[in-house]
Amino acid sequence: MCHKATCGTCKKATWFGCGQHVPKVMDSVPKDQWCTCEPRVEKSGQQYPPMGSLLSSCVVC
């Protein structure tokens, strides 16, 4: 299951988890609040922020 996370680099919203629920998590967040880091993740033709990680610069909210 995916969850909303906050990027430690740009301090904006991203996601963390299995990757199957990215649209469900991110589509509820205004795009101007999305993480701007790269590389982007494509799901159903839509570009989403990269997955956050507990071991890198992103932490689960």
PDB file of N, CA and C in Angstrom:
ATOM      1  N   MET A   1       0.850  -1.183   0.000  1.00  0.00           N
ATOM      2  CA  MET A   1       0.000   0.000   0.000  1.00  0.00           C
ATOM      3  C   MET A   1       0.888   1.235   0.000  1.00  0.00           C
ATOM      4  N   CYS A   2       0.495   2.248  -0.733  1.00  0.00           N
ATOM      5  CA  CYS A   2       1.254   3.495  -0.800  1.00  0.00           C
ATOM      6  C   CYS A   2       0.681   4.519   0.176  1.00  0.00           C
ATOM      7  N   HIS A   3       1.558   5.398   0.632  1.00  0.00           N
ATOM      8  CA  HIS A   3       1.196   6.439   1.582  1.00  0.00           C
ATOM      9  C   HIS A   3       1.839   7.745   1.157  1.00  0.00           C
ATOM     10  N   LYS A   4       1.256   8.860   1.575  1.00  0.00           N
ATOM     11  CA  LYS A   4       1.836  10.166   1.322  1.00  0.00           C
ATOM     12  C   LYS A   4       3.112  10.308   2.148  1.00  0.00           C
ATOM     13  N   ALA A   5       4.106  10.955   1.553  1.00  0.00           N
ATOM     14  CA  ALA A   5       5.378  11.210   2.234  1.00  0.00           C
ATOM     15  C   ALA A   5       5.815  12.631   1.914  1.00  0.00           C
ATOM     16  N   THR A   6       6.782  13.144   2.656  1.00  0.00           N
ATOM     17  CA  THR A   6       7.341  14.467   2.403  1.00  0.00           C
ATOM     18  C   THR A   6       8.795  14.310   2.012  1.00  0.00           C
ATOM     19  N   CYS A   7       9.164  14.899   0.887  1.00  0.00           N
ATOM     20  CA  CYS A   7      10.539  14.821   0.396  1.00  0.00           C
ATOM     21  C   CYS A   7      11.451  15.665   1.284  1.00  0.00           C
ATOM     22  N   GLY A   8      12.531  15.100   1.722  1.00  0.00           N
ATOM     23  CA  GLY A   8      13.492  15.812   2.554  1.00  0.00           C
ATOM     24  C   GLY A   8      14.328  16.805   1.772  1.00  0.00           C
ATOM     25  N   THR A   9      14.350  16.681   0.440  1.00  0.00           N
ATOM     26  CA  THR A   9      15.135  17.584  -0.397  1.00  0.00           C
ATOM     27  C   THR A   9      14.361  18.856  -0.723  1.00  0.00           C
ATOM     28  N   CYS A  10      13.166  18.701  -1.313  1.00  0.00           N
ATOM     29  CA  CYS A  10      12.393  19.882  -1.732  1.00  0.00           C
ATOM     30  C   CYS A  10      11.254  20.206  -0.762  1.00  0.00           C
ATOM     31  N   LYS A  11      11.037  19.332   0.235  1.00  0.00           N
ATOM     32  CA  LYS A  11      10.014  19.522   1.276  1.00  0.00           C
ATOM     33  C   LYS A  11       8.583  19.504   0.745  1.00  0.00           C
ATOM     34  N   LYS A  12       8.377  18.884  -0.410  1.00  0.00           N
ATOM     35  CA  LYS A  12       7.038  18.794  -0.980  1.00  0.00           C
ATOM     36  C   LYS A  12       6.535  17.353  -0.913  1.00  0.00           C
ATOM     37  N   ALA A  13       5.278  17.154  -1.320  1.00  0.00           N
ATOM     38  CA  ALA A  13       4.624  15.849  -1.206  1.00  0.00           C
ATOM     39  C   ALA A  13       5.140  14.848  -2.230  1.00  0.00           C
ATOM     40  N   THR A  14       5.337  13.630  -1.773  1.00  0.00           N
ATOM     41  CA  THR A  14       5.667  12.497  -2.624  1.00  0.00           C
ATOM     42  C   THR A  14       4.954  11.284  -2.040  1.00  0.00           C
ATOM     43  N   TRP A  15       5.364  10.099  -2.402  1.00  0.00           N
ATOM     44  CA  TRP A  15       4.704   8.880  -1.950  1.00  0.00           C
ATOM     45  C   TRP A  15       5.749   7.859  -1.528  1.00  0.00           C
ATOM     46  N   PHE A  16       5.294   6.855  -0.787  1.00  0.00           N
ATOM     47  CA  PHE A  16       6.157   5.771  -0.344  1.00  0.00           C
ATOM     48  C   PHE A  16       5.326   4.501  -0.327  1.00  0.00           C
ATOM     49  N   GLY A  17       5.869   3.405  -0.816  1.00  0.00           N
ATOM     50  CA  GLY A  17       5.164   2.134  -0.756  1.00  0.00           C
ATOM     51  C   GLY A  17       5.400   1.261  -1.968  1.00  0.00           C
ATOM     52  N   CYS A  18       4.397   0.451  -2.292  1.00  0.00           N
ATOM     53  CA  CYS A  18       4.523  -0.580  -3.326  1.00  0.00           C
ATOM     54  C   CYS A  18       4.517  -0.036  -4.747  1.00  0.00           C
ATOM     55  N   GLY A  19       3.980   1.150  -4.973  1.00  0.00           N
ATOM     56  CA  GLY A  19       3.934   1.745  -6.306  1.00  0.00           C
ATOM     57  C   GLY A  19       2.636   1.510  -7.050  1.00  0.00           C
ATOM     58  N   GLN A  20       1.771   0.658  -6.541  1.00  0.00           N
ATOM     59  CA  GLN A  20       0.509   0.371  -7.229  1.00  0.00           C
ATOM     60  C   GLN A  20      -0.585   1.390  -6.924  1.00  0.00           C
ATOM     61  N   HIS A  21      -0.397   2.200  -5.911  1.00  0.00           N
ATOM     62  CA  HIS A  21      -1.438   3.134  -5.486  1.00  0.00           C
ATOM     63  C   HIS A  21      -0.992   4.591  -5.601  1.00  0.00           C
ATOM     64  N   VAL A  22       0.023   4.851  -6.409  1.00  0.00           N
ATOM     65  CA  VAL A  22       0.559   6.208  -6.550  1.00  0.00           C
ATOM     66  C   VAL A  22      -0.527   7.198  -6.963  1.00  0.00           C
ATOM     67  N   PRO A  23      -1.325   6.916  -8.008  1.00  0.00           N
ATOM     68  CA  PRO A  23      -2.368   7.878  -8.381  1.00  0.00           C
ATOM     69  C   PRO A  23      -3.355   8.156  -7.245  1.00  0.00           C
ATOM     70  N   LYS A  24      -3.741   7.124  -6.510  1.00  0.00           N
ATOM     71  CA  LYS A  24      -4.691   7.307  -5.402  1.00  0.00           C
ATOM     72  C   LYS A  24      -4.121   8.257  -4.348  1.00  0.00           C
ATOM     73  N   VAL A  25      -2.830   8.141  -4.072  1.00  0.00           N
ATOM     74  CA  VAL A  25      -2.179   8.996  -3.075  1.00  0.00           C
ATOM     75  C   VAL A  25      -1.967  10.408  -3.616  1.00  0.00           C
ATOM     76  N   MET A  26      -1.372  10.511  -4.796  1.00  0.00           N
ATOM     77  CA  MET A  26      -0.942  11.815  -5.301  1.00  0.00           C
ATOM     78  C   MET A  26      -2.060  12.646  -5.923  1.00  0.00           C
ATOM     79  N   ASP A  27      -3.098  12.020  -6.462  1.00  0.00           N
ATOM     80  CA  ASP A  27      -4.167  12.787  -7.099  1.00  0.00           C
ATOM     81  C   ASP A  27      -4.973  13.610  -6.102  1.00  0.00           C
ATOM     82  N   SER A  28      -4.848  13.317  -4.809  1.00  0.00           N
ATOM     83  CA  SER A  28      -5.535  14.110  -3.788  1.00  0.00           C
ATOM     84  C   SER A  28      -4.697  15.305  -3.326  1.00  0.00           C
ATOM     85  N   VAL A  29      -3.472  15.416  -3.847  1.00  0.00           N
ATOM     86  CA  VAL A  29      -2.558  16.504  -3.483  1.00  0.00           C
ATOM     87  C   VAL A  29      -2.481  17.484  -4.659  1.00  0.00           C
ATOM     88  N   PRO A  30      -2.690  18.794  -4.436  1.00  0.00           N
ATOM     89  CA  PRO A  30      -2.553  19.762  -5.529  1.00  0.00           C
ATOM     90  C   PRO A  30      -1.166  19.658  -6.171  1.00  0.00           C
ATOM     91  N   LYS A  31      -1.112  19.716  -7.505  1.00  0.00           N
ATOM     92  CA  LYS A  31       0.152  19.521  -8.217  1.00  0.00           C
ATOM     93  C   LYS A  31       1.227  20.534  -7.836  1.00  0.00           C
ATOM     94  N   ASP A  32       0.833  21.728  -7.409  1.00  0.00           N
ATOM     95  CA  ASP A  32       1.846  22.711  -7.010  1.00  0.00           C
ATOM     96  C   ASP A  32       2.510  22.344  -5.683  1.00  0.00           C
ATOM     97  N   GLN A  33       1.977  21.317  -5.009  1.00  0.00           N
ATOM     98  CA  GLN A  33       2.561  20.838  -3.756  1.00  0.00           C
ATOM     99  C   GLN A  33       3.354  19.548  -3.943  1.00  0.00           C
ATOM    100  N   TRP A  34       3.432  19.037  -5.183  1.00  0.00           N
ATOM    101  CA  TRP A  34       4.165  17.800  -5.470  1.00  0.00           C
ATOM    102  C   TRP A  34       5.667  18.019  -5.426  1.00  0.00           C
ATOM    103  N   CYS A  35       6.390  17.008  -4.998  1.00  0.00           N
ATOM    104  CA  CYS A  35       7.850  16.970  -5.049  1.00  0.00           C
ATOM    105  C   CYS A  35       8.303  17.252  -6.482  1.00  0.00           C
ATOM    106  N   THR A  36       9.357  18.040  -6.618  1.00  0.00           N
ATOM    107  CA  THR A  36       9.866  18.418  -7.942  1.00  0.00           C
ATOM    108  C   THR A  36      11.144  17.665  -8.306  1.00  0.00           C
ATOM    109  N   CYS A  37      11.544  16.712  -7.493  1.00  0.00           N
ATOM    110  CA  CYS A  37      12.779  15.962  -7.745  1.00  0.00           C
ATOM    111  C   CYS A  37      12.606  14.978  -8.907  1.00  0.00           C
ATOM    112  N   GLU A  38      13.706  14.481  -9.409  1.00  0.00           N
ATOM    113  CA  GLU A  38      13.735  13.526 -10.522  1.00  0.00           C
ATOM    114  C   GLU A  38      14.367  12.226 -10.033  1.00  0.00           C
ATOM    115  N   PRO A  39      14.153  11.109 -10.681  1.00  0.00           N
ATOM    116  CA  PRO A  39      13.358  10.901 -11.897  1.00  0.00           C
ATOM    117  C   PRO A  39      11.883  10.732 -11.571  1.00  0.00           C
ATOM    118  N   ARG A  40      11.019  11.156 -12.483  1.00  0.00           N
ATOM    119  CA  ARG A  40       9.576  11.029 -12.340  1.00  0.00           C
ATOM    120  C   ARG A  40       9.162   9.570 -12.554  1.00  0.00           C
ATOM    121  N   VAL A  41       7.985   9.220 -12.062  1.00  0.00           N
ATOM    122  CA  VAL A  41       7.418   7.884 -12.216  1.00  0.00           C
ATOM    123  C   VAL A  41       6.158   8.027 -13.070  1.00  0.00           C
ATOM    124  N   GLU A  42       6.031   7.203 -14.105  1.00  0.00           N
ATOM    125  CA  GLU A  42       4.844   7.277 -14.955  1.00  0.00           C
ATOM    126  C   GLU A  42       3.861   6.164 -14.612  1.00  0.00           C
ATOM    127  N   LYS A  43       2.616   6.557 -14.389  1.00  0.00           N
ATOM    128  CA  LYS A  43       1.518   5.622 -14.114  1.00  0.00           C
ATOM    129  C   LYS A  43       0.323   6.052 -14.959  1.00  0.00           C
ATOM    130  N   SER A  44      -0.148   5.182 -15.833  1.00  0.00           N
ATOM    131  CA  SER A  44      -1.315   5.454 -16.688  1.00  0.00           C
ATOM    132  C   SER A  44      -1.162   6.750 -17.475  1.00  0.00           C
ATOM    133  N   GLY A  45       0.040   7.008 -17.976  1.00  0.00           N
ATOM    134  CA  GLY A  45       0.294   8.185 -18.795  1.00  0.00           C
ATOM    135  C   GLY A  45       0.512   9.475 -18.025  1.00  0.00           C
ATOM    136  N   GLN A  46       0.473   9.432 -16.712  1.00  0.00           N
ATOM    137  CA  GLN A  46       0.668  10.615 -15.864  1.00  0.00           C
ATOM    138  C   GLN A  46       2.027  10.525 -15.179  1.00  0.00           C
ATOM    139  N   GLN A  47       2.737  11.641 -15.104  1.00  0.00           N
ATOM    140  CA  GLN A  47       4.027  11.704 -14.425  1.00  0.00           C
ATOM    141  C   GLN A  47       3.820  12.053 -12.951  1.00  0.00           C
ATOM    142  N   TYR A  48       4.448  11.284 -12.077  1.00  0.00           N
ATOM    143  CA  TYR A  48       4.359  11.492 -10.632  1.00  0.00           C
ATOM    144  C   TYR A  48       5.757  11.672 -10.050  1.00  0.00           C
ATOM    145  N   PRO A  49       5.846  12.234  -8.837  1.00  0.00           N
ATOM    146  CA  PRO A  49       7.150  12.382  -8.187  1.00  0.00           C
ATOM    147  C   PRO A  49       7.803  11.024  -7.935  1.00  0.00           C
ATOM    148  N   PRO A  50       9.119  11.027  -7.717  1.00  0.00           N
ATOM    149  CA  PRO A  50       9.799   9.776  -7.381  1.00  0.00           C
ATOM    150  C   PRO A  50       9.355   9.275  -6.004  1.00  0.00           C
ATOM    151  N   MET A  51       9.506   7.978  -5.799  1.00  0.00           N
ATOM    152  CA  MET A  51       9.151   7.396  -4.507  1.00  0.00           C
ATOM    153  C   MET A  51      10.080   7.912  -3.417  1.00  0.00           C
ATOM    154  N   GLY A  52       9.501   8.248  -2.289  1.00  0.00           N
ATOM    155  CA  GLY A  52      10.291   8.609  -1.131  1.00  0.00           C
ATOM    156  C   GLY A  52      10.857   7.349  -0.496  1.00  0.00           C
ATOM    157  N   SER A  53      11.803   7.515   0.403  1.00  0.00           N
ATOM    158  CA  SER A  53      12.425   6.373   1.059  1.00  0.00           C
ATOM    159  C   SER A  53      12.737   6.716   2.500  1.00  0.00           C
ATOM    160  N   LEU A  54      12.572   5.753   3.366  1.00  0.00           N
ATOM    161  CA  LEU A  54      12.944   5.959   4.763  1.00  0.00           C
ATOM    162  C   LEU A  54      14.455   5.990   4.928  1.00  0.00           C
ATOM    163  N   LEU A  55      15.182   5.499   3.921  1.00  0.00           N
ATOM    164  CA  LEU A  55      16.637   5.441   4.010  1.00  0.00           C
ATOM    165  C   LEU A  55      17.325   6.595   3.300  1.00  0.00           C
ATOM    166  N   SER A  56      16.547   7.422   2.569  1.00  0.00           N
ATOM    167  CA  SER A  56      17.164   8.554   1.877  1.00  0.00           C
ATOM    168  C   SER A  56      16.601   9.850   2.421  1.00  0.00           C
ATOM    169  N   SER A  57      16.319  10.792   1.549  1.00  0.00           N
ATOM    170  CA  SER A  57      15.937  12.122   2.002  1.00  0.00           C
ATOM    171  C   SER A  57      14.442  12.312   2.220  1.00  0.00           C
ATOM    172  N   CYS A  58      13.611  11.305   1.985  1.00  0.00           N
ATOM    173  CA  CYS A  58      12.171  11.449   2.173  1.00  0.00           C
ATOM    174  C   CYS A  58      11.724  10.648   3.392  1.00  0.00           C
ATOM    175  N   VAL A  59      10.731  11.163   4.082  1.00  0.00           N
ATOM    176  CA  VAL A  59      10.201  10.468   5.248  1.00  0.00           C
ATOM    177  C   VAL A  59       8.691  10.366   5.145  1.00  0.00           C
ATOM    178  N   VAL A  60       8.116   9.313   5.687  1.00  0.00           N
ATOM    179  CA  VAL A  60       6.672   9.116   5.661  1.00  0.00           C
ATOM    180  C   VAL A  60       6.006  10.125   6.581  1.00  0.00           C
ATOM    181  N   CYS A  61       4.905  10.722   6.108  1.00  0.00           N
ATOM    182  CA  CYS A  61       4.154  11.704   6.909  1.00  0.00           C
ATOM    183  C   CYS A  61       3.361  11.004   7.989  1.00  0.00           C
TER     184      CYS A  61
END
